[in-house]
Amino acid sequence: MFTKIRKYENMHIALWLLKDTCWVMDFKPAGLFMIVPTLSVAFYLTWYLRKEKAELLHNLAVCFWIMANSVWMIGEFYFEDGTRPYAIVFFAAGIICIATYYLGLVNRGKQKA
């Protein structure tokens, strides 16, 4: 299982880099297109690894990050960078996922003491 997931994780990194490269090079159609495969693999990884809380919350944070990134990119491409407030909502959701996990670890540590 680890090898299969690792291949998807590596492919996901490549897709994400390609999407962001399209963004920085102002390749609008390609950048928009790359949102779909990048998010699809992120959602797949999140679903596949959902049974382990750490993997679920970290992968959810990645999904929110890519969504925020995509909203921001679309705003820069077509709305004079006017979508940042919407992107912040997705970034905040990702931070909440990570905070939930790590605050849970801290609370578990206090219960053991």
PDB file of N, CA and C in Angstrom:
ATOM      1  N   MET A   1       0.818  -1.193   0.000  1.00  0.00           N
ATOM      2  CA  MET A   1       0.000   0.000   0.000  1.00  0.00           C
ATOM      3  C   MET A   1       0.865   1.262   0.000  1.00  0.00           C
ATOM      4  N   PHE A   2       1.932   1.261   0.794  1.00  0.00           N
ATOM      5  CA  PHE A   2       2.789   2.440   0.904  1.00  0.00           C
ATOM      6  C   PHE A   2       3.341   2.853  -0.458  1.00  0.00           C
ATOM      7  N   THR A   3       3.784   1.880  -1.256  1.00  0.00           N
ATOM      8  CA  THR A   3       4.361   2.190  -2.567  1.00  0.00           C
ATOM      9  C   THR A   3       3.323   2.810  -3.485  1.00  0.00           C
ATOM     10  N   LYS A   4       2.098   2.281  -3.457  1.00  0.00           N
ATOM     11  CA  LYS A   4       1.025   2.826  -4.295  1.00  0.00           C
ATOM     12  C   LYS A   4       0.726   4.270  -3.918  1.00  0.00           C
ATOM     13  N   ILE A   5       0.579   4.519  -2.626  1.00  0.00           N
ATOM     14  CA  ILE A   5       0.269   5.879  -2.161  1.00  0.00           C
ATOM     15  C   ILE A   5       1.421   6.817  -2.469  1.00  0.00           C
ATOM     16  N   ARG A   6       2.641   6.335  -2.283  1.00  0.00           N
ATOM     17  CA  ARG A   6       3.819   7.164  -2.548  1.00  0.00           C
ATOM     18  C   ARG A   6       3.830   7.631  -4.006  1.00  0.00           C
ATOM     19  N   LYS A   7       3.438   6.770  -4.932  1.00  0.00           N
ATOM     20  CA  LYS A   7       3.378   7.141  -6.358  1.00  0.00           C
ATOM     21  C   LYS A   7       2.362   8.254  -6.575  1.00  0.00           C
ATOM     22  N   TYR A   8       1.199   8.148  -5.913  1.00  0.00           N
ATOM     23  CA  TYR A   8       0.195   9.203  -6.028  1.00  0.00           C
ATOM     24  C   TYR A   8       0.683  10.507  -5.395  1.00  0.00           C
ATOM     25  N   GLU A   9       1.349  10.405  -4.265  1.00  0.00           N
ATOM     26  CA  GLU A   9       1.884  11.610  -3.624  1.00  0.00           C
ATOM     27  C   GLU A   9       2.918  12.293  -4.519  1.00  0.00           C
ATOM     28  N   ASN A  10       3.775  11.518  -5.128  1.00  0.00           N
ATOM     29  CA  ASN A  10       4.778  12.086  -6.029  1.00  0.00           C
ATOM     30  C   ASN A  10       4.128  12.712  -7.259  1.00  0.00           C
ATOM     31  N   MET A  11       3.120  12.025  -7.820  1.00  0.00           N
ATOM     32  CA  MET A  11       2.402  12.580  -8.967  1.00  0.00           C
ATOM     33  C   MET A  11       1.709  13.882  -8.561  1.00  0.00           C
ATOM     34  N   HIS A  12       1.170  13.896  -7.346  1.00  0.00           N
ATOM     35  CA  HIS A  12       0.482  15.083  -6.858  1.00  0.00           C
ATOM     36  C   HIS A  12       1.430  16.283  -6.779  1.00  0.00           C
ATOM     37  N   ILE A  13       2.623  16.045  -6.293  1.00  0.00           N
ATOM     38  CA  ILE A  13       3.619  17.121  -6.219  1.00  0.00           C
ATOM     39  C   ILE A  13       3.923  17.664  -7.606  1.00  0.00           C
ATOM     40  N   ALA A  14       4.090  16.761  -8.572  1.00  0.00           N
ATOM     41  CA  ALA A  14       4.376  17.188  -9.948  1.00  0.00           C
ATOM     42  C   ALA A  14       3.216  18.009 -10.518  1.00  0.00           C
ATOM     43  N   LEU A  15       1.985  17.557 -10.296  1.00  0.00           N
ATOM     44  CA  LEU A  15       0.816  18.300 -10.785  1.00  0.00           C
ATOM     45  C   LEU A  15       0.729  19.679 -10.140  1.00  0.00           C
ATOM     46  N   TRP A  16       0.972  19.726  -8.834  1.00  0.00           N
ATOM     47  CA  TRP A  16       0.911  20.988  -8.099  1.00  0.00           C
ATOM     48  C   TRP A  16       1.967  21.962  -8.618  1.00  0.00           C
ATOM     49  N   LEU A  17       3.172  21.469  -8.824  1.00  0.00           N
ATOM     50  CA  LEU A  17       4.238  22.328  -9.363  1.00  0.00           C
ATOM     51  C   LEU A  17       3.898  22.822 -10.768  1.00  0.00           C
ATOM     52  N   LEU A  18       3.322  21.951 -11.573  1.00  0.00           N
ATOM     53  CA  LEU A  18       2.926  22.347 -12.925  1.00  0.00           C
ATOM     54  C   LEU A  18       1.843  23.424 -12.877  1.00  0.00           C
ATOM     55  N   LYS A  19       0.858  23.244 -11.998  1.00  0.00           N
ATOM     56  CA  LYS A  19      -0.206  24.248 -11.850  1.00  0.00           C
ATOM     57  C   LYS A  19       0.388  25.598 -11.435  1.00  0.00           C
ATOM     58  N   ASP A  20       1.251  25.577 -10.437  1.00  0.00           N
ATOM     59  CA  ASP A  20       1.838  26.836  -9.964  1.00  0.00           C
ATOM     60  C   ASP A  20       2.798  27.450 -10.978  1.00  0.00           C
ATOM     61  N   THR A  21       3.458  26.616 -11.759  1.00  0.00           N
ATOM     62  CA  THR A  21       4.318  27.136 -12.827  1.00  0.00           C
ATOM     63  C   THR A  21       3.475  27.838 -13.884  1.00  0.00           C
ATOM     64  N   CYS A  22       2.339  27.249 -14.242  1.00  0.00           N
ATOM     65  CA  CYS A  22       1.422  27.904 -15.182  1.00  0.00           C
ATOM     66  C   CYS A  22       0.964  29.245 -14.628  1.00  0.00           C
ATOM     67  N   TRP A  23       0.714  29.279 -13.323  1.00  0.00           N
ATOM     68  CA  TRP A  23       0.274  30.514 -12.677  1.00  0.00           C
ATOM     69  C   TRP A  23       1.342  31.592 -12.795  1.00  0.00           C
ATOM     70  N   VAL A  24       2.557  31.274 -12.389  1.00  0.00           N
ATOM     71  CA  VAL A  24       3.613  32.280 -12.368  1.00  0.00           C
ATOM     72  C   VAL A  24       4.015  32.713 -13.783  1.00  0.00           C
ATOM     73  N   MET A  25       3.802  31.837 -14.759  1.00  0.00           N
ATOM     74  CA  MET A  25       4.137  32.186 -16.143  1.00  0.00           C
ATOM     75  C   MET A  25       2.943  32.765 -16.894  1.00  0.00           C
ATOM     76  N   ASP A  26       1.829  32.949 -16.172  1.00  0.00           N
ATOM     77  CA  ASP A  26       0.624  33.571 -16.722  1.00  0.00           C
ATOM     78  C   ASP A  26       0.024  32.769 -17.886  1.00  0.00           C
ATOM     79  N   PHE A  27       0.101  31.434 -17.784  1.00  0.00           N
ATOM     80  CA  PHE A  27      -0.536  30.547 -18.761  1.00  0.00           C
ATOM     81  C   PHE A  27      -1.942  30.240 -18.256  1.00  0.00           C
ATOM     82  N   LYS A  28      -2.859  31.138 -18.538  1.00  0.00           N
ATOM     83  CA  LYS A  28      -4.185  31.075 -17.933  1.00  0.00           C
ATOM     84  C   LYS A  28      -4.946  29.774 -18.228  1.00  0.00           C
ATOM     85  N   PRO A  29      -5.128  29.394 -19.497  1.00  0.00           N
ATOM     86  CA  PRO A  29      -5.895  28.154 -19.738  1.00  0.00           C
ATOM     87  C   PRO A  29      -5.241  26.923 -19.104  1.00  0.00           C
ATOM     88  N   ALA A  30      -3.941  26.822 -19.205  1.00  0.00           N
ATOM     89  CA  ALA A  30      -3.244  25.669 -18.625  1.00  0.00           C
ATOM     90  C   ALA A  30      -3.345  25.686 -17.102  1.00  0.00           C
ATOM     91  N   GLY A  31      -3.202  26.855 -16.504  1.00  0.00           N
ATOM     92  CA  GLY A  31      -3.322  26.974 -15.056  1.00  0.00           C
ATOM     93  C   GLY A  31      -4.702  26.563 -14.572  1.00  0.00           C
ATOM     94  N   LEU A  32      -5.733  27.026 -15.279  1.00  0.00           N
ATOM     95  CA  LEU A  32      -7.096  26.639 -14.919  1.00  0.00           C
ATOM     96  C   LEU A  32      -7.303  25.136 -15.087  1.00  0.00           C
ATOM     97  N   PHE A  33      -6.807  24.601 -16.178  1.00  0.00           N
ATOM     98  CA  PHE A  33      -6.937  23.164 -16.423  1.00  0.00           C
ATOM     99  C   PHE A  33      -6.268  22.354 -15.321  1.00  0.00           C
ATOM    100  N   MET A  34      -5.090  22.787 -14.873  1.00  0.00           N
ATOM    101  CA  MET A  34      -4.310  22.016 -13.900  1.00  0.00           C
ATOM    102  C   MET A  34      -4.948  21.981 -12.513  1.00  0.00           C
ATOM    103  N   ILE A  35      -5.921  22.848 -12.266  1.00  0.00           N
ATOM    104  CA  ILE A  35      -6.626  22.798 -10.983  1.00  0.00           C
ATOM    105  C   ILE A  35      -7.307  21.434 -10.823  1.00  0.00           C
ATOM    106  N   VAL A  36      -7.929  20.963 -11.892  1.00  0.00           N
ATOM    107  CA  VAL A  36      -8.735  19.735 -11.808  1.00  0.00           C
ATOM    108  C   VAL A  36      -7.897  18.501 -11.451  1.00  0.00           C
ATOM    109  N   PRO A  37      -6.833  18.195 -12.195  1.00  0.00           N
ATOM    110  CA  PRO A  37      -6.068  17.002 -11.804  1.00  0.00           C
ATOM    111  C   PRO A  37      -5.358  17.154 -10.460  1.00  0.00           C
ATOM    112  N   THR A  38      -4.905  18.360 -10.157  1.00  0.00           N
ATOM    113  CA  THR A  38      -4.203  18.574  -8.891  1.00  0.00           C
ATOM    114  C   THR A  38      -5.146  18.344  -7.710  1.00  0.00           C
ATOM    115  N   LEU A  39      -6.322  18.940  -7.770  1.00  0.00           N
ATOM    116  CA  LEU A  39      -7.293  18.737  -6.690  1.00  0.00           C
ATOM    117  C   LEU A  39      -7.828  17.302  -6.677  1.00  0.00           C
ATOM    118  N   SER A  40      -7.993  16.714  -7.837  1.00  0.00           N
ATOM    119  CA  SER A  40      -8.500  15.337  -7.896  1.00  0.00           C
ATOM    120  C   SER A  40      -7.577  14.371  -7.171  1.00  0.00           C
ATOM    121  N   VAL A  41      -6.289  14.488  -7.413  1.00  0.00           N
ATOM    122  CA  VAL A  41      -5.342  13.601  -6.734  1.00  0.00           C
ATOM    123  C   VAL A  41      -5.303  13.919  -5.244  1.00  0.00           C
ATOM    124  N   ALA A  42      -5.390  15.188  -4.880  1.00  0.00           N
ATOM    125  CA  ALA A  42      -5.412  15.563  -3.456  1.00  0.00           C
ATOM    126  C   ALA A  42      -6.639  14.970  -2.766  1.00  0.00           C
ATOM    127  N   PHE A  43      -7.799  15.053  -3.414  1.00  0.00           N
ATOM    128  CA  PHE A  43      -9.016  14.478  -2.839  1.00  0.00           C
ATOM    129  C   PHE A  43      -8.909  12.954  -2.756  1.00  0.00           C
ATOM    130  N   TYR A  44      -8.335  12.328  -3.781  1.00  0.00           N
ATOM    131  CA  TYR A  44      -8.162  10.881  -3.764  1.00  0.00           C
ATOM    132  C   TYR A  44      -7.294  10.458  -2.579  1.00  0.00           C
ATOM    133  N   LEU A  45      -6.156  11.134  -2.410  1.00  0.00           N
ATOM    134  CA  LEU A  45      -5.267  10.805  -1.294  1.00  0.00           C
ATOM    135  C   LEU A  45      -5.972  11.001   0.049  1.00  0.00           C
ATOM    136  N   THR A  46      -6.726  12.067   0.158  1.00  0.00           N
ATOM    137  CA  THR A  46      -7.451  12.336   1.399  1.00  0.00           C
ATOM    138  C   THR A  46      -8.462  11.221   1.677  1.00  0.00           C
ATOM    139  N   TRP A  47      -9.199  10.828   0.671  1.00  0.00           N
ATOM    140  CA  TRP A  47     -10.202   9.781   0.834  1.00  0.00           C
ATOM    141  C   TRP A  47      -9.542   8.433   1.150  1.00  0.00           C
ATOM    142  N   TYR A  48      -8.494   8.125   0.416  1.00  0.00           N
ATOM    143  CA  TYR A  48      -7.830   6.835   0.578  1.00  0.00           C
ATOM    144  C   TYR A  48      -7.216   6.685   1.978  1.00  0.00           C
ATOM    145  N   LEU A  49      -6.704   7.782   2.520  1.00  0.00           N
ATOM    146  CA  LEU A  49      -6.008   7.746   3.808  1.00  0.00           C
ATOM    147  C   LEU A  49      -6.877   8.248   4.965  1.00  0.00           C
ATOM    148  N   ARG A  50      -8.169   8.319   4.752  1.00  0.00           N
ATOM    149  CA  ARG A  50      -9.084   8.937   5.719  1.00  0.00           C
ATOM    150  C   ARG A  50      -9.180   8.196   7.050  1.00  0.00           C
ATOM    151  N   LYS A  51      -8.836   6.926   7.093  1.00  0.00           N
ATOM    152  CA  LYS A  51      -9.004   6.146   8.320  1.00  0.00           C
ATOM    153  C   LYS A  51      -7.986   6.500   9.402  1.00  0.00           C
ATOM    154  N   GLU A  52      -6.869   7.075   8.987  1.00  0.00           N
ATOM    155  CA  GLU A  52      -5.858   7.508   9.962  1.00  0.00           C
ATOM    156  C   GLU A  52      -6.000   9.015  10.150  1.00  0.00           C
ATOM    157  N   LYS A  53      -6.318   9.414  11.376  1.00  0.00           N
ATOM    158  CA  LYS A  53      -6.644  10.818  11.663  1.00  0.00           C
ATOM    159  C   LYS A  53      -5.544  11.783  11.216  1.00  0.00           C
ATOM    160  N   ALA A  54      -4.299  11.455  11.466  1.00  0.00           N
ATOM    161  CA  ALA A  54      -3.190  12.347  11.087  1.00  0.00           C
ATOM    162  C   ALA A  54      -3.164  12.559   9.581  1.00  0.00           C
ATOM    163  N   GLU A  55      -3.299  11.476   8.838  1.00  0.00           N
ATOM    164  CA  GLU A  55      -3.283  11.579   7.367  1.00  0.00           C
ATOM    165  C   GLU A  55      -4.491  12.348   6.871  1.00  0.00           C
ATOM    166  N   LEU A  56      -5.651  12.067   7.438  1.00  0.00           N
ATOM    167  CA  LEU A  56      -6.878  12.753   7.029  1.00  0.00           C
ATOM    168  C   LEU A  56      -6.743  14.258   7.209  1.00  0.00           C
ATOM    169  N   LEU A  57      -6.352  14.686   8.393  1.00  0.00           N
ATOM    170  CA  LEU A  57      -6.305  16.126   8.674  1.00  0.00           C
ATOM    171  C   LEU A  57      -5.202  16.828   7.881  1.00  0.00           C
ATOM    172  N   HIS A  58      -4.057  16.188   7.724  1.00  0.00           N
ATOM    173  CA  HIS A  58      -2.993  16.803   6.926  1.00  0.00           C
ATOM    174  C   HIS A  58      -3.387  16.887   5.456  1.00  0.00           C
ATOM    175  N   ASN A  59      -3.996  15.827   4.942  1.00  0.00           N
ATOM    176  CA  ASN A  59      -4.408  15.851   3.537  1.00  0.00           C
ATOM    177  C   ASN A  59      -5.570  16.804   3.297  1.00  0.00           C
ATOM    178  N   LEU A  60      -6.479  16.927   4.264  1.00  0.00           N
ATOM    179  CA  LEU A  60      -7.533  17.937   4.153  1.00  0.00           C
ATOM    180  C   LEU A  60      -6.920  19.335   4.093  1.00  0.00           C
ATOM    181  N   ALA A  61      -5.918  19.572   4.927  1.00  0.00           N
ATOM    182  CA  ALA A  61      -5.236  20.877   4.908  1.00  0.00           C
ATOM    183  C   ALA A  61      -4.622  21.141   3.534  1.00  0.00           C
ATOM    184  N   VAL A  62      -4.042  20.115   2.933  1.00  0.00           N
ATOM    185  CA  VAL A  62      -3.464  20.266   1.593  1.00  0.00           C
ATOM    186  C   VAL A  62      -4.566  20.585   0.587  1.00  0.00           C
ATOM    187  N   CYS A  63      -5.698  19.899   0.677  1.00  0.00           N
ATOM    188  CA  CYS A  63      -6.822  20.190  -0.231  1.00  0.00           C
ATOM    189  C   CYS A  63      -7.263  21.648  -0.103  1.00  0.00           C
ATOM    190  N   PHE A  64      -7.407  22.101   1.136  1.00  0.00           N
ATOM    191  CA  PHE A  64      -7.799  23.502   1.347  1.00  0.00           C
ATOM    192  C   PHE A  64      -6.738  24.462   0.815  1.00  0.00           C
ATOM    193  N   TRP A  65      -5.471  24.102   0.981  1.00  0.00           N
ATOM    194  CA  TRP A  65      -4.389  24.949   0.494  1.00  0.00           C
ATOM    195  C   TRP A  65      -4.450  25.064  -1.028  1.00  0.00           C
ATOM    196  N   ILE A  66      -4.645  23.957  -1.703  1.00  0.00           N
ATOM    197  CA  ILE A  66      -4.722  23.990  -3.164  1.00  0.00           C
ATOM    198  C   ILE A  66      -5.960  24.761  -3.616  1.00  0.00           C
ATOM    199  N   MET A  67      -7.074  24.594  -2.901  1.00  0.00           N
ATOM    200  CA  MET A  67      -8.271  25.367  -3.249  1.00  0.00           C
ATOM    201  C   MET A  67      -8.007  26.861  -3.062  1.00  0.00           C
ATOM    202  N   ALA A  68      -7.367  27.233  -1.960  1.00  0.00           N
ATOM    203  CA  ALA A  68      -7.035  28.640  -1.724  1.00  0.00           C
ATOM    204  C   ALA A  68      -6.112  29.163  -2.816  1.00  0.00           C
ATOM    205  N   ASN A  69      -5.114  28.373  -3.115  1.00  0.00           N
ATOM    206  CA  ASN A  69      -4.158  28.713  -4.161  1.00  0.00           C
ATOM    207  C   ASN A  69      -4.860  28.920  -5.500  1.00  0.00           C
ATOM    208  N   SER A  70      -5.814  28.056  -5.792  1.00  0.00           N
ATOM    209  CA  SER A  70      -6.541  28.122  -7.068  1.00  0.00           C
ATOM    210  C   SER A  70      -7.439  29.353  -7.132  1.00  0.00           C
ATOM    211  N   VAL A  71      -8.108  29.648  -6.030  1.00  0.00           N
ATOM    212  CA  VAL A  71      -8.954  30.850  -5.979  1.00  0.00           C
ATOM    213  C   VAL A  71      -8.092  32.098  -6.168  1.00  0.00           C
ATOM    214  N   TRP A  72      -6.965  32.118  -5.523  1.00  0.00           N
ATOM    215  CA  TRP A  72      -6.045  33.244  -5.638  1.00  0.00           C
ATOM    216  C   TRP A  72      -5.548  33.377  -7.079  1.00  0.00           C
ATOM    217  N   MET A  73      -5.169  32.259  -7.686  1.00  0.00           N
ATOM    218  CA  MET A  73      -4.692  32.257  -9.069  1.00  0.00           C
ATOM    219  C   MET A  73      -5.768  32.792 -10.014  1.00  0.00           C
ATOM    220  N   ILE A  74      -6.987  32.308  -9.867  1.00  0.00           N
ATOM    221  CA  ILE A  74      -8.096  32.766 -10.721  1.00  0.00           C
ATOM    222  C   ILE A  74      -8.308  34.263 -10.534  1.00  0.00           C
ATOM    223  N   GLY A  75      -8.197  34.729  -9.296  1.00  0.00           N
ATOM    224  CA  GLY A  75      -8.327  36.156  -9.029  1.00  0.00           C
ATOM    225  C   GLY A  75      -7.259  36.974  -9.724  1.00  0.00           C
ATOM    226  N   GLU A  76      -6.036  36.475  -9.704  1.00  0.00           N
ATOM    227  CA  GLU A  76      -4.959  37.199 -10.395  1.00  0.00           C
ATOM    228  C   GLU A  76      -5.153  37.158 -11.912  1.00  0.00           C
ATOM    229  N   PHE A  77      -5.633  36.042 -12.412  1.00  0.00           N
ATOM    230  CA  PHE A  77      -5.833  35.915 -13.853  1.00  0.00           C
ATOM    231  C   PHE A  77      -6.972  36.790 -14.370  1.00  0.00           C
ATOM    232  N   TYR A  78      -8.095  36.819 -13.652  1.00  0.00           N
ATOM    233  CA  TYR A  78      -9.310  37.384 -14.233  1.00  0.00           C
ATOM    234  C   TYR A  78      -9.999  38.469 -13.420  1.00  0.00           C
ATOM    235  N   PHE A  79      -9.619  38.684 -12.158  1.00  0.00           N
ATOM    236  CA  PHE A  79     -10.366  39.605 -11.311  1.00  0.00           C
ATOM    237  C   PHE A  79      -9.469  40.618 -10.607  1.00  0.00           C
ATOM    238  N   GLU A  80      -8.411  41.026 -11.268  1.00  0.00           N
ATOM    239  CA  GLU A  80      -7.509  42.049 -10.738  1.00  0.00           C
ATOM    240  C   GLU A  80      -7.127  41.764  -9.288  1.00  0.00           C
ATOM    241  N   ASP A  81      -6.821  40.504  -9.027  1.00  0.00           N
ATOM    242  CA  ASP A  81      -6.387  40.040  -7.710  1.00  0.00           C
ATOM    243  C   ASP A  81      -7.446  40.284  -6.645  1.00  0.00           C
ATOM    244  N   GLY A  82      -8.709  40.203  -7.045  1.00  0.00           N
ATOM    245  CA  GLY A  82      -9.797  40.516  -6.126  1.00  0.00           C
ATOM    246  C   GLY A  82     -10.377  39.331  -5.374  1.00  0.00           C
ATOM    247  N   THR A  83      -9.751  38.166  -5.475  1.00  0.00           N
ATOM    248  CA  THR A  83     -10.323  36.997  -4.800  1.00  0.00           C
ATOM    249  C   THR A  83      -9.544  36.581  -3.553  1.00  0.00           C
ATOM    250  N   ARG A  84      -8.579  37.364  -3.164  1.00  0.00           N
ATOM    251  CA  ARG A  84      -7.792  36.995  -1.973  1.00  0.00           C
ATOM    252  C   ARG A  84      -8.643  36.799  -0.721  1.00  0.00           C
ATOM    253  N   PRO A  85      -9.642  37.645  -0.471  1.00  0.00           N
ATOM    254  CA  PRO A  85     -10.461  37.403   0.731  1.00  0.00           C
ATOM    255  C   PRO A  85     -11.118  36.016   0.722  1.00  0.00           C
ATOM    256  N   TYR A  86     -11.497  35.539  -0.454  1.00  0.00           N
ATOM    257  CA  TYR A  86     -12.089  34.199  -0.560  1.00  0.00           C
ATOM    258  C   TYR A  86     -11.027  33.124  -0.344  1.00  0.00           C
ATOM    259  N   ALA A  87      -9.839  33.387  -0.856  1.00  0.00           N
ATOM    260  CA  ALA A  87      -8.740  32.430  -0.669  1.00  0.00           C
ATOM    261  C   ALA A  87      -8.389  32.298   0.812  1.00  0.00           C
ATOM    262  N   ILE A  88      -8.457  33.383   1.534  1.00  0.00           N
ATOM    263  CA  ILE A  88      -8.120  33.361   2.962  1.00  0.00           C
ATOM    264  C   ILE A  88      -9.029  32.391   3.718  1.00  0.00           C
ATOM    265  N   VAL A  89     -10.280  32.283   3.301  1.00  0.00           N
ATOM    266  CA  VAL A  89     -11.206  31.350   3.947  1.00  0.00           C
ATOM    267  C   VAL A  89     -10.677  29.916   3.822  1.00  0.00           C
ATOM    268  N   PHE A  90     -10.197  29.555   2.642  1.00  0.00           N
ATOM    269  CA  PHE A  90      -9.659  28.207   2.434  1.00  0.00           C
ATOM    270  C   PHE A  90      -8.344  28.001   3.193  1.00  0.00           C
ATOM    271  N   PHE A  91      -7.493  29.022   3.196  1.00  0.00           N
ATOM    272  CA  PHE A  91      -6.259  28.914   3.982  1.00  0.00           C
ATOM    273  C   PHE A  91      -6.595  28.719   5.467  1.00  0.00           C
ATOM    274  N   ALA A  92      -7.561  29.470   5.964  1.00  0.00           N
ATOM    275  CA  ALA A  92      -7.958  29.348   7.370  1.00  0.00           C
ATOM    276  C   ALA A  92      -8.499  27.951   7.659  1.00  0.00           C
ATOM    277  N   ALA A  93      -9.268  27.387   6.739  1.00  0.00           N
ATOM    278  CA  ALA A  93      -9.795  26.035   6.933  1.00  0.00           C
ATOM    279  C   ALA A  93      -8.652  25.027   7.035  1.00  0.00           C
ATOM    280  N   GLY A  94      -7.615  25.214   6.218  1.00  0.00           N
ATOM    281  CA  GLY A  94      -6.444  24.335   6.299  1.00  0.00           C
ATOM    282  C   GLY A  94      -5.729  24.468   7.633  1.00  0.00           C
ATOM    283  N   ILE A  95      -5.601  25.691   8.105  1.00  0.00           N
ATOM    284  CA  ILE A  95      -4.950  25.919   9.400  1.00  0.00           C
ATOM    285  C   ILE A  95      -5.776  25.278  10.524  1.00  0.00           C
ATOM    286  N   ILE A  96      -7.083  25.364  10.413  1.00  0.00           N
ATOM    287  CA  ILE A  96      -7.948  24.743  11.424  1.00  0.00           C
ATOM    288  C   ILE A  96      -7.748  23.227  11.438  1.00  0.00           C
ATOM    289  N   CYS A  97      -7.617  22.619  10.257  1.00  0.00           N
ATOM    290  CA  CYS A  97      -7.369  21.168  10.191  1.00  0.00           C
ATOM    291  C   CYS A  97      -6.075  20.808  10.923  1.00  0.00           C
ATOM    292  N   ILE A  98      -5.018  21.543  10.622  1.00  0.00           N
ATOM    293  CA  ILE A  98      -3.721  21.258  11.240  1.00  0.00           C
ATOM    294  C   ILE A  98      -3.769  21.544  12.742  1.00  0.00           C
ATOM    295  N   ALA A  99      -4.385  22.653  13.114  1.00  0.00           N
ATOM    296  CA  ALA A  99      -4.487  22.998  14.540  1.00  0.00           C
ATOM    297  C   ALA A  99      -5.283  21.944  15.301  1.00  0.00           C
ATOM    298  N   THR A 100      -6.345  21.450  14.695  1.00  0.00           N
ATOM    299  CA  THR A 100      -7.153  20.396  15.326  1.00  0.00           C
ATOM    300  C   THR A 100      -6.289  19.185  15.641  1.00  0.00           C
ATOM    301  N   TYR A 101      -5.474  18.798  14.675  1.00  0.00           N
ATOM    302  CA  TYR A 101      -4.625  17.626  14.882  1.00  0.00           C
ATOM    303  C   TYR A 101      -3.600  17.875  15.991  1.00  0.00           C
ATOM    304  N   TYR A 102      -2.856  18.977  15.895  1.00  0.00           N
ATOM    305  CA  TYR A 102      -1.777  19.211  16.853  1.00  0.00           C
ATOM    306  C   TYR A 102      -2.282  19.586  18.246  1.00  0.00           C
ATOM    307  N   LEU A 103      -3.385  20.290  18.327  1.00  0.00           N
ATOM    308  CA  LEU A 103      -3.966  20.566  19.655  1.00  0.00           C
ATOM    309  C   LEU A 103      -4.484  19.281  20.283  1.00  0.00           C
ATOM    310  N   GLY A 104      -4.972  18.378  19.442  1.00  0.00           N
ATOM    311  CA  GLY A 104      -5.384  17.068  19.939  1.00  0.00           C
ATOM    312  C   GLY A 104      -4.213  16.289  20.497  1.00  0.00           C
ATOM    313  N   LEU A 105      -3.055  16.388  19.850  1.00  0.00           N
ATOM    314  CA  LEU A 105      -1.845  15.735  20.369  1.00  0.00           C
ATOM    315  C   LEU A 105      -1.447  16.312  21.718  1.00  0.00           C
ATOM    316  N   VAL A 106      -1.501  17.621  21.825  1.00  0.00           N
ATOM    317  CA  VAL A 106      -1.128  18.276  23.079  1.00  0.00           C
ATOM    318  C   VAL A 106      -2.083  17.846  24.189  1.00  0.00           C
ATOM    319  N   ASN A 107      -3.363  17.813  23.888  1.00  0.00           N
ATOM    320  CA  ASN A 107      -4.354  17.406  24.899  1.00  0.00           C
ATOM    321  C   ASN A 107      -4.157  15.948  25.305  1.00  0.00           C
ATOM    322  N   ARG A 108      -3.820  15.079  24.354  1.00  0.00           N
ATOM    323  CA  ARG A 108      -3.576  13.685  24.688  1.00  0.00           C
ATOM    324  C   ARG A 108      -2.348  13.558  25.587  1.00  0.00           C
ATOM    325  N   GLY A 109      -1.335  14.382  25.328  1.00  0.00           N
ATOM    326  CA  GLY A 109      -0.131  14.374  26.154  1.00  0.00           C
ATOM    327  C   GLY A 109      -0.429  14.810  27.576  1.00  0.00           C
ATOM    328  N   LYS A 110      -1.311  15.781  27.747  1.00  0.00           N
ATOM    329  CA  LYS A 110      -1.675  16.260  29.088  1.00  0.00           C
ATOM    330  C   LYS A 110      -2.472  15.209  29.851  1.00  0.00           C
ATOM    331  N   GLN A 111      -3.290  14.446  29.119  1.00  0.00           N
ATOM    332  CA  GLN A 111      -4.100  13.411  29.765  1.00  0.00           C
ATOM    333  C   GLN A 111      -3.232  12.269  30.281  1.00  0.00           C
ATOM    334  N   LYS A 112      -2.132  11.990  29.591  1.00  0.00           N
ATOM    335  CA  LYS A 112      -1.235  10.903  30.000  1.00  0.00           C
ATOM    336  C   LYS A 112      -0.407  11.292  31.226  1.00  0.00           C
ATOM    337  N   ALA A 113      -0.156  12.578  31.385  1.00  0.00           N
ATOM    338  CA  ALA A 113       0.706  13.035  32.497  1.00  0.00           C
ATOM    339  C   ALA A 113       0.045  12.960  33.840  1.00  0.00           C
TER     340      ALA A 113
END
